[in-house]
Amino acid sequence: MKKKVKKIKHKTKKSLAKRVVILGSGAIKRKRSHRSHCASAKTTKQKRKARKSVLFNEAQYKITAYLIHSNNKK
């Protein structure tokens, strides 16, 4: 007779879950950094590019999906 081994339920990393959005396709979207202060020291191009959000690359996706327990596949 085999004993059932209980799997540990991992908690979602809430700090990360609040910063990212899972799209319908399964991709994970985040905001760009360097927007909080010292805007006068940045070029217009830097500020314009920082306004847009960006998708995680494959390496970041694997880590992030594990931490927020995404069942969606890319």
Protein backbone atom coordinates (compact mmCIF):
# COMPACT_ATOMS: atom_id res chain seq x y z
CA MET A 1 0.00 0.00 0.00
CA LYS A 2 1.46 3.32 -1.09
CA LYS A 3 1.30 6.38 1.11
CA LYS A 4 0.09 9.59 -0.46
CA VAL A 5 2.67 12.33 -0.26
CA LYS A 6 1.17 15.76 0.22
CA LYS A 7 2.51 18.40 -2.13
CA ILE A 8 3.44 21.69 -0.61
CA LYS A 9 1.34 24.59 -1.84
CA HIS A 10 3.59 27.48 -2.78
CA LYS A 11 2.41 30.97 -2.00
CA THR A 12 2.22 33.57 -4.74
CA LYS A 13 4.84 36.31 -4.45
CA LYS A 14 2.40 39.20 -4.00
CA SER A 15 4.98 41.93 -4.55
CA LEU A 16 5.66 40.54 -8.02
CA ALA A 17 2.01 39.75 -8.79
CA LYS A 18 1.12 43.41 -8.22
CA ARG A 19 3.76 44.58 -10.71
CA VAL A 20 2.98 42.33 -13.67
CA VAL A 21 -0.02 41.47 -15.85
CA ILE A 22 -0.63 38.11 -17.52
CA LEU A 23 -1.99 38.60 -21.04
CA GLY A 24 -4.50 36.34 -22.76
CA SER A 25 -1.70 34.79 -24.81
CA GLY A 26 0.09 33.83 -21.59
CA ALA A 27 2.84 36.42 -22.00
CA ILE A 28 3.75 38.51 -18.97
CA LYS A 29 3.84 42.30 -19.25
CA ARG A 30 5.68 44.75 -16.97
CA LYS A 31 6.41 48.47 -16.83
CA ARG A 32 9.84 49.89 -17.60
CA SER A 33 12.08 51.28 -14.88
CA HIS A 34 13.74 54.72 -14.44
CA ARG A 35 10.52 56.75 -14.34
CA SER A 36 10.32 57.83 -10.72
CA HIS A 37 12.64 60.85 -10.49
CA CYS A 38 15.37 62.94 -12.16
CA ALA A 39 13.32 63.43 -15.31
CA SER A 40 15.29 66.55 -16.22
CA ALA A 41 18.47 64.49 -16.52
CA LYS A 42 16.88 62.07 -19.01
CA THR A 43 16.45 62.68 -22.72
CA THR A 44 13.02 62.96 -24.30
CA LYS A 45 13.63 59.66 -26.08
CA GLN A 46 14.41 57.89 -22.79
CA LYS A 47 11.25 59.22 -21.16
CA ARG A 48 9.09 58.34 -24.18
CA LYS A 49 10.40 54.76 -24.32
CA ALA A 50 9.93 54.34 -20.56
CA ARG A 51 6.20 55.14 -20.89
CA LYS A 52 5.53 51.92 -22.77
CA SER A 53 5.34 48.53 -21.13
CA VAL A 54 7.40 45.57 -22.25
CA LEU A 55 7.07 41.76 -22.28
CA PHE A 56 9.39 39.50 -20.35
CA ASN A 57 11.98 37.56 -22.33
CA GLU A 58 12.11 33.74 -22.13
CA ALA A 59 14.50 33.58 -19.15
CA GLN A 60 12.57 36.16 -17.13
CA TYR A 61 9.27 34.51 -18.10
CA LYS A 62 10.22 31.12 -16.64
CA ILE A 63 11.23 32.60 -13.28
CA THR A 64 8.28 35.00 -13.07
CA ALA A 65 5.68 32.43 -14.10
CA TYR A 66 6.93 30.10 -11.34
CA LEU A 67 6.79 32.84 -8.70
CA ILE A 68 3.25 33.90 -9.57
CA HIS A 69 2.13 30.34 -10.43
CA SER A 70 0.87 31.10 -13.89
CA ASN A 71 -0.85 28.14 -15.54
CA ASN A 72 -0.84 29.91 -18.89
CA LYS A 73 1.71 28.77 -21.41
CA LYS A 74 3.48 31.18 -23.72
